[in-house]
Amino acid sequence: MTAGKVPLYLVFGDGWIAGQIRDILKTGGESYEVTKVRLEDREAVLSELRRVQPTHVINAAGVRGTPNVDWCEDHKEETIRANIIGATNVVDCCFLLGIHVTHFSSGCIYDYDDAHPPGGKGYTEEEEPNFFRSFYSNTKIISEKAIKHYPNVLILRIRNPLSGDLHPKNTVTKLFGFKKLIDVPNSGTICPNLLPGAIILAKNGETGLYNFAYLVHRVTDQPRGIYTQRSNGIDQEAPPSIPELVHVLAGRAGQDSQGTSVQPRDGFLEGCAEAANIWV
């Protein structure tokens, strides 16, 4: 599509993940631009692509809701417009112009079942999503089913993202807001470890679908404990040892990535410790 050209990235999105992507590109000396064009505005997207002439597009935009995904239940039209229409539109426009797209999707699309019990094997990319109790998750599933057929797209599923800051979207920040946590296996994306890999995959023109998360672990009291230890001053009530269901992060089941192009440098808890060290 863009073989032989000096990489130029066009980033869609102004949220937390998009900000980290921009920082990685800047630190790595990569050329990039950020656009504020609405994903669903076809003419504006095409115009922006023709103006910038990027070799790669990174789409980290979309609607998740504030303060959480429950917002999407009462704002279905806005959620559809961004997560389904907008995501598909960007991929299609890039396809017409021969541009590679890295699309950040969600791993909140699986739930435990008889074949995937808590503590058992995780889901692979080849397995069909089965978590439909969240409207947000539904929109992500629908958009994936459409855009995965394009030959120019790389889909990376983010799950429970953690990083070295206290951004409201950071899973650790959310965990500090709960006095009680559900003690079940889960999976998570350590952003400082994995997001640089997204740039490598994009630059190499990789396509396909990846569960961009660490294997099944507890994304509950252990990461929070690591951050508390590193912070040397945050006073939080210890979570109970009993698995009391107070808050469930949508789509709880863990994931096994079959991808081999980028491997995590550390284990999940080691990654949490690394992110905590960045924070403090």
C-alpha atoms as a PDB file:
ATOM      1  CA  MET A   1       0.000   0.000   0.000  1.00  0.00           C
ATOM      2  CA  THR A   2       2.697   2.508   1.032  1.00  0.00           C
ATOM      3  CA  ALA A   3       5.908   0.517   0.505  1.00  0.00           C
ATOM      4  CA  GLY A   4       9.069   2.600   0.288  1.00  0.00           C
ATOM      5  CA  LYS A   5       7.567   5.780   1.710  1.00  0.00           C
ATOM      6  CA  VAL A   6       8.786   7.481   4.871  1.00  0.00           C
ATOM      7  CA  PRO A   7       6.139   6.701   7.534  1.00  0.00           C
ATOM      8  CA  LEU A   8       3.702   9.495   8.282  1.00  0.00           C
ATOM      9  CA  TYR A   9       1.008   8.736  10.835  1.00  0.00           C
ATOM     10  CA  LEU A  10      -2.394  10.364  11.090  1.00  0.00           C
ATOM     11  CA  VAL A  11      -3.935   9.857  14.522  1.00  0.00           C
ATOM     12  CA  PHE A  12      -7.682   9.957  15.132  1.00  0.00           C
ATOM     13  CA  GLY A  13      -8.654  10.517  18.750  1.00  0.00           C
ATOM     14  CA  ASP A  14      -8.005  12.921  21.626  1.00  0.00           C
ATOM     15  CA  GLY A  15      -8.449  10.538  24.558  1.00  0.00           C
ATOM     16  CA  TRP A  16      -6.072   8.800  26.939  1.00  0.00           C
ATOM     17  CA  ILE A  17      -4.921   6.015  24.598  1.00  0.00           C
ATOM     18  CA  ALA A  18      -4.527   8.437  21.688  1.00  0.00           C
ATOM     19  CA  GLY A  19      -2.400  10.693  23.905  1.00  0.00           C
ATOM     20  CA  GLN A  20      -0.079   7.821  24.762  1.00  0.00           C
ATOM     21  CA  ILE A  21       0.205   6.915  21.082  1.00  0.00           C
ATOM     22  CA  ARG A  22       1.171  10.499  20.261  1.00  0.00           C
ATOM     23  CA  ASP A  23       3.816  10.468  23.016  1.00  0.00           C
ATOM     24  CA  ILE A  24       5.300   7.231  21.666  1.00  0.00           C
ATOM     25  CA  LEU A  25       5.440   8.608  18.132  1.00  0.00           C
ATOM     26  CA  LYS A  26       7.039  11.849  19.340  1.00  0.00           C
ATOM     27  CA  THR A  27       9.607  10.059  21.500  1.00  0.00           C
ATOM     28  CA  GLY A  28      10.459   7.752  18.628  1.00  0.00           C
ATOM     29  CA  GLY A  29      11.031  10.650  16.262  1.00  0.00           C
ATOM     30  CA  GLU A  30       8.169   9.614  13.997  1.00  0.00           C
ATOM     31  CA  SER A  31       6.322  12.075  11.783  1.00  0.00           C
ATOM     32  CA  TYR A  32       2.653  12.382  12.675  1.00  0.00           C
ATOM     33  CA  GLU A  33      -0.374  14.630  12.643  1.00  0.00           C
ATOM     34  CA  VAL A  34      -3.471  14.596  14.819  1.00  0.00           C
ATOM     35  CA  THR A  35      -6.887  15.190  13.332  1.00  0.00           C
ATOM     36  CA  LYS A  36     -10.084  16.370  14.979  1.00  0.00           C
ATOM     37  CA  VAL A  37     -12.264  15.301  12.053  1.00  0.00           C
ATOM     38  CA  ARG A  38     -15.365  13.368  13.087  1.00  0.00           C
ATOM     39  CA  LEU A  39     -15.071   9.689  12.229  1.00  0.00           C
ATOM     40  CA  GLU A  40     -18.530   9.509  10.669  1.00  0.00           C
ATOM     41  CA  ASP A  41     -18.064  12.564   8.414  1.00  0.00           C
ATOM     42  CA  ARG A  42     -17.095  10.807   5.182  1.00  0.00           C
ATOM     43  CA  GLU A  43     -16.278  13.862   3.104  1.00  0.00           C
ATOM     44  CA  ALA A  44     -14.210  15.390   5.894  1.00  0.00           C
ATOM     45  CA  VAL A  45     -12.303  12.139   6.469  1.00  0.00           C
ATOM     46  CA  LEU A  46     -11.518  11.778   2.758  1.00  0.00           C
ATOM     47  CA  SER A  47     -10.454  15.427   2.572  1.00  0.00           C
ATOM     48  CA  GLU A  48      -8.161  15.049   5.573  1.00  0.00           C
ATOM     49  CA  LEU A  49      -6.572  11.907   4.190  1.00  0.00           C
ATOM     50  CA  ARG A  50      -5.898  13.621   0.873  1.00  0.00           C
ATOM     51  CA  ARG A  51      -4.484  16.697   2.619  1.00  0.00           C
ATOM     52  CA  VAL A  52      -2.123  14.854   4.977  1.00  0.00           C
ATOM     53  CA  GLN A  53      -1.360  11.897   2.682  1.00  0.00           C
ATOM     54  CA  PRO A  54      -0.407   9.593   5.573  1.00  0.00           C
ATOM     55  CA  THR A  55       1.177   6.205   5.092  1.00  0.00           C
ATOM     56  CA  HIS A  56      -0.561   4.965   8.247  1.00  0.00           C
ATOM     57  CA  VAL A  57      -3.722   5.878  10.112  1.00  0.00           C
ATOM     58  CA  ILE A  58      -4.133   5.077  13.797  1.00  0.00           C
ATOM     59  CA  ASN A  59      -7.721   5.190  14.989  1.00  0.00           C
ATOM     60  CA  ALA A  60      -7.895   5.511  18.755  1.00  0.00           C
ATOM     61  CA  ALA A  61     -11.160   7.457  18.640  1.00  0.00           C
ATOM     62  CA  GLY A  62     -14.606   6.257  19.584  1.00  0.00           C
ATOM     63  CA  VAL A  63     -17.209   6.474  22.313  1.00  0.00           C
ATOM     64  CA  ARG A  64     -16.854   4.635  25.611  1.00  0.00           C
ATOM     65  CA  GLY A  65     -18.779   6.955  27.894  1.00  0.00           C
ATOM     66  CA  THR A  66     -18.096   9.024  30.978  1.00  0.00           C
ATOM     67  CA  PRO A  67     -17.774   8.076  33.765  1.00  0.00           C
ATOM     68  CA  ASN A  68     -18.171   4.530  32.382  1.00  0.00           C
ATOM     69  CA  VAL A  69     -19.776   2.450  29.636  1.00  0.00           C
ATOM     70  CA  ASP A  70     -23.198   2.796  31.254  1.00  0.00           C
ATOM     71  CA  TRP A  71     -23.352   6.187  29.519  1.00  0.00           C
ATOM     72  CA  CYS A  72     -23.702   4.352  26.217  1.00  0.00           C
ATOM     73  CA  GLU A  73     -26.957   2.733  27.360  1.00  0.00           C
ATOM     74  CA  ASP A  74     -28.635   6.146  27.376  1.00  0.00           C
ATOM     75  CA  HIS A  75     -26.784   7.550  24.367  1.00  0.00           C
ATOM     76  CA  LYS A  76     -27.169   4.798  21.806  1.00  0.00           C
ATOM     77  CA  GLU A  77     -27.272   7.041  18.754  1.00  0.00           C
ATOM     78  CA  GLU A  78     -23.977   8.767  19.606  1.00  0.00           C
ATOM     79  CA  THR A  79     -22.377   5.423  20.393  1.00  0.00           C
ATOM     80  CA  ILE A  80     -23.482   3.887  17.082  1.00  0.00           C
ATOM     81  CA  ARG A  81     -22.356   6.949  15.155  1.00  0.00           C
ATOM     82  CA  ALA A  82     -18.797   6.740  16.479  1.00  0.00           C
ATOM     83  CA  ASN A  83     -18.189   3.062  17.174  1.00  0.00           C
ATOM     84  CA  ILE A  84     -19.939   1.515  14.171  1.00  0.00           C
ATOM     85  CA  ILE A  85     -20.504   4.092  11.435  1.00  0.00           C
ATOM     86  CA  GLY A  86     -17.388   6.121  12.195  1.00  0.00           C
ATOM     87  CA  ALA A  87     -14.995   3.204  12.632  1.00  0.00           C
ATOM     88  CA  THR A  88     -16.183   1.551   9.423  1.00  0.00           C
ATOM     89  CA  ASN A  89     -16.048   4.833   7.537  1.00  0.00           C
ATOM     90  CA  VAL A  90     -12.394   5.501   8.429  1.00  0.00           C
ATOM     91  CA  VAL A  91     -11.327   1.999   7.418  1.00  0.00           C
ATOM     92  CA  ASP A  92     -13.254   2.186   4.141  1.00  0.00           C
ATOM     93  CA  CYS A  93     -11.867   5.613   3.225  1.00  0.00           C
ATOM     94  CA  CYS A  94      -8.337   4.417   3.931  1.00  0.00           C
ATOM     95  CA  PHE A  95      -8.953   1.304   1.843  1.00  0.00           C
ATOM     96  CA  LEU A  96      -9.989   3.437  -1.136  1.00  0.00           C
ATOM     97  CA  LEU A  97      -6.767   5.461  -0.831  1.00  0.00           C
ATOM     98  CA  GLY A  98      -4.451   2.527  -0.100  1.00  0.00           C
ATOM     99  CA  ILE A  99      -3.639   3.498   3.490  1.00  0.00           C
ATOM    100  CA  HIS A 100      -2.925   1.078   6.344  1.00  0.00           C
ATOM    101  CA  VAL A 101      -5.162   1.457   9.422  1.00  0.00           C
ATOM    102  CA  THR A 102      -4.490   0.409  13.000  1.00  0.00           C
ATOM    103  CA  HIS A 103      -7.845   0.313  14.759  1.00  0.00           C
ATOM    104  CA  PHE A 104      -8.023   0.115  18.550  1.00  0.00           C
ATOM    105  CA  SER A 105     -10.998  -1.996  19.525  1.00  0.00           C
ATOM    106  CA  SER A 106     -12.137  -3.472  22.836  1.00  0.00           C
ATOM    107  CA  GLY A 107     -11.552  -6.779  24.578  1.00  0.00           C
ATOM    108  CA  CYS A 108     -14.760  -6.302  26.597  1.00  0.00           C
ATOM    109  CA  ILE A 109     -16.602  -8.747  24.348  1.00  0.00           C
ATOM    110  CA  TYR A 110     -16.200 -12.090  26.134  1.00  0.00           C
ATOM    111  CA  ASP A 111     -17.745 -13.645  29.220  1.00  0.00           C
ATOM    112  CA  TYR A 112     -17.169 -16.883  31.079  1.00  0.00           C
ATOM    113  CA  ASP A 113     -18.941 -19.987  29.823  1.00  0.00           C
ATOM    114  CA  ASP A 114     -18.645 -23.763  30.261  1.00  0.00           C
ATOM    115  CA  ALA A 115     -15.649 -23.924  27.921  1.00  0.00           C
ATOM    116  CA  HIS A 116     -13.977 -20.883  29.512  1.00  0.00           C
ATOM    117  CA  PRO A 117     -14.526 -21.021  33.300  1.00  0.00           C
ATOM    118  CA  PRO A 118     -12.818 -18.614  35.715  1.00  0.00           C
ATOM    119  CA  GLY A 119      -9.165 -19.578  35.925  1.00  0.00           C
ATOM    120  CA  GLY A 120      -9.395 -21.714  32.790  1.00  0.00           C
ATOM    121  CA  LYS A 121      -8.187 -21.072  29.289  1.00  0.00           C
ATOM    122  CA  GLY A 122      -8.743 -17.661  27.745  1.00  0.00           C
ATOM    123  CA  TYR A 123     -10.419 -16.790  24.474  1.00  0.00           C
ATOM    124  CA  THR A 124      -8.496 -16.661  21.232  1.00  0.00           C
ATOM    125  CA  GLU A 125      -9.071 -14.275  18.351  1.00  0.00           C
ATOM    126  CA  GLU A 126     -10.773 -17.023  16.353  1.00  0.00           C
ATOM    127  CA  GLU A 127     -13.563 -17.463  18.910  1.00  0.00           C
ATOM    128  CA  GLU A 128     -16.820 -15.561  18.502  1.00  0.00           C
ATOM    129  CA  PRO A 129     -17.613 -12.837  21.072  1.00  0.00           C
ATOM    130  CA  ASN A 130     -20.306 -13.809  23.570  1.00  0.00           C
ATOM    131  CA  PHE A 131     -20.771 -10.761  25.811  1.00  0.00           C
ATOM    132  CA  PHE A 132     -23.877  -8.867  24.744  1.00  0.00           C
ATOM    133  CA  ARG A 133     -25.116  -7.352  28.019  1.00  0.00           C
ATOM    134  CA  SER A 134     -23.452  -4.010  27.327  1.00  0.00           C
ATOM    135  CA  PHE A 135     -24.530  -1.735  24.480  1.00  0.00           C
ATOM    136  CA  TYR A 136     -20.953  -0.487  24.211  1.00  0.00           C
ATOM    137  CA  SER A 137     -19.686  -4.046  23.759  1.00  0.00           C
ATOM    138  CA  ASN A 138     -22.348  -4.709  21.146  1.00  0.00           C
ATOM    139  CA  THR A 139     -21.184  -1.761  19.045  1.00  0.00           C
ATOM    140  CA  LYS A 140     -17.593  -2.974  19.207  1.00  0.00           C
ATOM    141  CA  ILE A 141     -18.617  -6.464  18.129  1.00  0.00           C
ATOM    142  CA  ILE A 142     -20.652  -5.148  15.192  1.00  0.00           C
ATOM    143  CA  SER A 143     -17.891  -2.844  13.951  1.00  0.00           C
ATOM    144  CA  GLU A 144     -15.295  -5.605  14.198  1.00  0.00           C
ATOM    145  CA  LYS A 145     -17.443  -7.955  12.132  1.00  0.00           C
ATOM    146  CA  ALA A 146     -17.485  -5.345   9.372  1.00  0.00           C
ATOM    147  CA  ILE A 147     -13.957  -3.975   9.291  1.00  0.00           C
ATOM    148  CA  LYS A 148     -12.098  -7.270   9.794  1.00  0.00           C
ATOM    149  CA  HIS A 149     -12.817  -8.109   6.154  1.00  0.00           C
ATOM    150  CA  TYR A 150     -10.748  -5.177   4.856  1.00  0.00           C
ATOM    151  CA  PRO A 151      -7.201  -6.121   3.794  1.00  0.00           C
ATOM    152  CA  ASN A 152      -5.677  -2.853   5.066  1.00  0.00           C
ATOM    153  CA  VAL A 153      -6.697  -3.031   8.736  1.00  0.00           C
ATOM    154  CA  LEU A 154      -5.004  -4.159  11.931  1.00  0.00           C
ATOM    155  CA  ILE A 155      -7.428  -4.548  14.863  1.00  0.00           C
ATOM    156  CA  LEU A 156      -5.989  -4.444  18.381  1.00  0.00           C
ATOM    157  CA  ARG A 157      -8.312  -5.292  21.271  1.00  0.00           C
ATOM    158  CA  ILE A 158      -7.507  -3.285  24.411  1.00  0.00           C
ATOM    159  CA  ARG A 159      -8.658  -4.712  27.749  1.00  0.00           C
ATOM    160  CA  ASN A 160      -8.549  -3.065  31.204  1.00  0.00           C
ATOM    161  CA  PRO A 161      -5.698  -0.686  30.216  1.00  0.00           C
ATOM    162  CA  LEU A 162      -3.166   0.211  32.902  1.00  0.00           C
ATOM    163  CA  SER A 163      -0.414   2.812  32.784  1.00  0.00           C
ATOM    164  CA  GLY A 164       1.868   4.915  34.942  1.00  0.00           C
ATOM    165  CA  ASP A 165      -0.530   7.757  35.686  1.00  0.00           C
ATOM    166  CA  LEU A 166      -3.781   8.478  37.473  1.00  0.00           C
ATOM    167  CA  HIS A 167      -5.873   9.267  34.409  1.00  0.00           C
ATOM    168  CA  PRO A 168      -9.596   8.581  35.002  1.00  0.00           C
ATOM    169  CA  LYS A 169      -9.548   5.931  32.234  1.00  0.00           C
ATOM    170  CA  ASN A 170      -6.645   4.073  33.840  1.00  0.00           C
ATOM    171  CA  THR A 171      -7.965   0.822  35.309  1.00  0.00           C
ATOM    172  CA  VAL A 172      -5.854   1.325  38.424  1.00  0.00           C
ATOM    173  CA  THR A 173      -7.446   4.730  39.001  1.00  0.00           C
ATOM    174  CA  LYS A 174     -10.850   3.094  38.738  1.00  0.00           C
ATOM    175  CA  LEU A 175      -9.815   0.356  41.183  1.00  0.00           C
ATOM    176  CA  PHE A 176      -8.788   2.955  43.745  1.00  0.00           C
ATOM    177  CA  GLY A 177     -12.336   4.288  43.572  1.00  0.00           C
ATOM    178  CA  PHE A 178     -13.857   1.036  44.849  1.00  0.00           C
ATOM    179  CA  LYS A 179     -13.700  -0.106  48.446  1.00  0.00           C
ATOM    180  CA  LYS A 180     -14.654  -3.645  47.458  1.00  0.00           C
ATOM    181  CA  LEU A 181     -13.562  -5.609  44.421  1.00  0.00           C
ATOM    182  CA  ILE A 182     -14.691  -8.822  42.780  1.00  0.00           C
ATOM    183  CA  ASP A 183     -11.952 -11.434  42.945  1.00  0.00           C
ATOM    184  CA  VAL A 184     -12.139 -13.146  39.532  1.00  0.00           C
ATOM    185  CA  PRO A 185      -9.544 -13.837  36.815  1.00  0.00           C
ATOM    186  CA  ASN A 186      -9.295 -11.198  34.130  1.00  0.00           C
ATOM    187  CA  SER A 187      -6.840  -9.819  31.597  1.00  0.00           C
ATOM    188  CA  GLY A 188      -5.333  -6.418  30.992  1.00  0.00           C
ATOM    189  CA  THR A 189      -3.274  -4.228  28.682  1.00  0.00           C
ATOM    190  CA  ILE A 190      -0.111  -2.746  30.197  1.00  0.00           C
ATOM    191  CA  CYS A 191       0.111   0.346  27.992  1.00  0.00           C
ATOM    192  CA  PRO A 192       3.841   1.188  28.425  1.00  0.00           C
ATOM    193  CA  ASN A 193       4.705  -2.350  27.313  1.00  0.00           C
ATOM    194  CA  LEU A 194       2.216  -2.990  24.532  1.00  0.00           C
ATOM    195  CA  LEU A 195       1.385   0.340  22.870  1.00  0.00           C
ATOM    196  CA  PRO A 196       4.919   0.736  21.434  1.00  0.00           C
ATOM    197  CA  GLY A 197       4.314  -2.642  19.819  1.00  0.00           C
ATOM    198  CA  ALA A 198       1.279  -1.195  18.059  1.00  0.00           C
ATOM    199  CA  ILE A 199       3.555   1.263  16.247  1.00  0.00           C
ATOM    200  CA  ILE A 200       5.889  -1.568  15.242  1.00  0.00           C
ATOM    201  CA  LEU A 201       2.981  -3.593  13.887  1.00  0.00           C
ATOM    202  CA  ALA A 202       1.619  -0.592  11.996  1.00  0.00           C
ATOM    203  CA  LYS A 203       5.009   0.297  10.500  1.00  0.00           C
ATOM    204  CA  ASN A 204       5.432  -3.299   9.319  1.00  0.00           C
ATOM    205  CA  GLY A 205       2.015  -3.226   7.677  1.00  0.00           C
ATOM    206  CA  GLU A 206       0.643  -6.051   9.806  1.00  0.00           C
ATOM    207  CA  THR A 207      -3.050  -6.831   9.445  1.00  0.00           C
ATOM    208  CA  GLY A 208      -5.534  -9.057  11.196  1.00  0.00           C
ATOM    209  CA  LEU A 209      -7.018  -9.258  14.676  1.00  0.00           C
ATOM    210  CA  TYR A 210      -5.110  -9.437  17.962  1.00  0.00           C
ATOM    211  CA  ASN A 211      -6.146  -9.684  21.609  1.00  0.00           C
ATOM    212  CA  PHE A 212      -3.780  -6.929  22.747  1.00  0.00           C
ATOM    213  CA  ALA A 213      -3.706  -7.966  26.407  1.00  0.00           C
ATOM    214  CA  TYR A 214      -1.826 -10.159  28.848  1.00  0.00           C
ATOM    215  CA  LEU A 215      -3.081 -13.625  29.623  1.00  0.00           C
ATOM    216  CA  VAL A 216      -5.635 -14.390  32.339  1.00  0.00           C
ATOM    217  CA  HIS A 217      -4.834 -12.656  35.630  1.00  0.00           C
ATOM    218  CA  ARG A 218      -6.625 -10.834  38.412  1.00  0.00           C
ATOM    219  CA  VAL A 219      -6.978  -7.178  37.473  1.00  0.00           C
ATOM    220  CA  THR A 220      -8.169  -6.322  40.978  1.00  0.00           C
ATOM    221  CA  ASP A 221      -6.373  -6.155  44.320  1.00  0.00           C
ATOM    222  CA  GLN A 222      -2.890  -7.155  43.114  1.00  0.00           C
ATOM    223  CA  PRO A 223      -2.304  -4.204  40.731  1.00  0.00           C
ATOM    224  CA  ARG A 224      -3.873  -1.830  43.223  1.00  0.00           C
ATOM    225  CA  GLY A 225      -1.554  -3.138  45.912  1.00  0.00           C
ATOM    226  CA  ILE A 226       1.498  -2.603  43.707  1.00  0.00           C
ATOM    227  CA  TYR A 227       0.524   1.003  42.970  1.00  0.00           C
ATOM    228  CA  THR A 228      -0.218   1.659  46.647  1.00  0.00           C
ATOM    229  CA  GLN A 229       3.201   0.299  47.605  1.00  0.00           C
ATOM    230  CA  ARG A 230       4.985   2.439  44.999  1.00  0.00           C
ATOM    231  CA  SER A 231       2.989   5.566  45.855  1.00  0.00           C
ATOM    232  CA  ASN A 232       4.119   5.525  49.505  1.00  0.00           C
ATOM    233  CA  GLY A 233       1.221   7.549  50.734  1.00  0.00           C
ATOM    234  CA  ILE A 234      -2.162   6.636  49.264  1.00  0.00           C
ATOM    235  CA  ASP A 235      -4.414   5.381  52.027  1.00  0.00           C
ATOM    236  CA  GLN A 236      -6.995   2.944  50.704  1.00  0.00           C
ATOM    237  CA  GLU A 237      -9.208   0.447  52.454  1.00  0.00           C
ATOM    238  CA  ALA A 238      -8.023  -3.096  51.726  1.00  0.00           C
ATOM    239  CA  PRO A 239     -10.376  -5.091  49.500  1.00  0.00           C
ATOM    240  CA  PRO A 240     -12.231  -8.038  51.034  1.00  0.00           C
ATOM    241  CA  SER A 241     -10.978 -11.551  50.452  1.00  0.00           C
ATOM    242  CA  ILE A 242     -14.451 -12.848  49.652  1.00  0.00           C
ATOM    243  CA  PRO A 243     -15.599 -12.546  46.036  1.00  0.00           C
ATOM    244  CA  GLU A 244     -18.390 -10.062  46.709  1.00  0.00           C
ATOM    245  CA  LEU A 245     -19.924  -8.791  43.494  1.00  0.00           C
ATOM    246  CA  VAL A 246     -19.916  -5.030  43.852  1.00  0.00           C
ATOM    247  CA  HIS A 247     -18.623  -3.920  40.477  1.00  0.00           C
ATOM    248  CA  VAL A 248     -17.912  -5.964  37.381  1.00  0.00           C
ATOM    249  CA  LEU A 249     -15.787  -4.680  34.532  1.00  0.00           C
ATOM    250  CA  ALA A 250     -17.747  -5.482  31.386  1.00  0.00           C
ATOM    251  CA  GLY A 251     -16.793  -8.739  29.712  1.00  0.00           C
ATOM    252  CA  ARG A 252     -14.784 -10.415  32.453  1.00  0.00           C
ATOM    253  CA  ALA A 253     -13.227 -13.402  30.719  1.00  0.00           C
ATOM    254  CA  GLY A 254      -9.542 -13.362  29.890  1.00  0.00           C
ATOM    255  CA  GLN A 255      -7.965 -13.650  26.477  1.00  0.00           C
ATOM    256  CA  ASP A 256      -5.118 -15.587  24.917  1.00  0.00           C
ATOM    257  CA  SER A 257      -3.471 -13.820  22.014  1.00  0.00           C
ATOM    258  CA  GLN A 258      -2.327 -16.027  19.161  1.00  0.00           C
ATOM    259  CA  GLY A 259      -0.192 -13.230  17.738  1.00  0.00           C
ATOM    260  CA  THR A 260       3.550 -13.788  17.519  1.00  0.00           C
ATOM    261  CA  SER A 261       4.783 -10.502  16.024  1.00  0.00           C
ATOM    262  CA  VAL A 262       5.000  -8.681  19.361  1.00  0.00           C
ATOM    263  CA  GLN A 263       5.454 -10.413  22.690  1.00  0.00           C
ATOM    264  CA  PRO A 264       5.031  -8.710  26.100  1.00  0.00           C
ATOM    265  CA  ARG A 265       8.382  -7.994  27.720  1.00  0.00           C
ATOM    266  CA  ASP A 266       7.214  -8.859  31.237  1.00  0.00           C
ATOM    267  CA  GLY A 267       4.481 -10.746  33.010  1.00  0.00           C
ATOM    268  CA  PHE A 268       1.281  -8.985  33.960  1.00  0.00           C
ATOM    269  CA  LEU A 269       2.206  -8.099  37.537  1.00  0.00           C
ATOM    270  CA  GLU A 270       5.757  -7.194  36.504  1.00  0.00           C
ATOM    271  CA  GLY A 271       4.198  -4.868  33.936  1.00  0.00           C
ATOM    272  CA  CYS A 272       2.037  -3.308  36.637  1.00  0.00           C
ATOM    273  CA  ALA A 273       5.141  -2.711  38.744  1.00  0.00           C
ATOM    274  CA  GLU A 274       6.908  -1.151  35.770  1.00  0.00           C
ATOM    275  CA  ALA A 275       3.974   1.166  35.099  1.00  0.00           C
ATOM    276  CA  ALA A 276       3.821   2.077  38.788  1.00  0.00           C
ATOM    277  CA  ASN A 277       7.506   3.002  38.728  1.00  0.00           C
ATOM    278  CA  ILE A 278       6.840   5.321  35.791  1.00  0.00           C
ATOM    279  CA  TRP A 279       4.012   6.907  37.758  1.00  0.00           C
ATOM    280  CA  VAL A 280       6.011   7.670  40.896  1.00  0.00           C
END
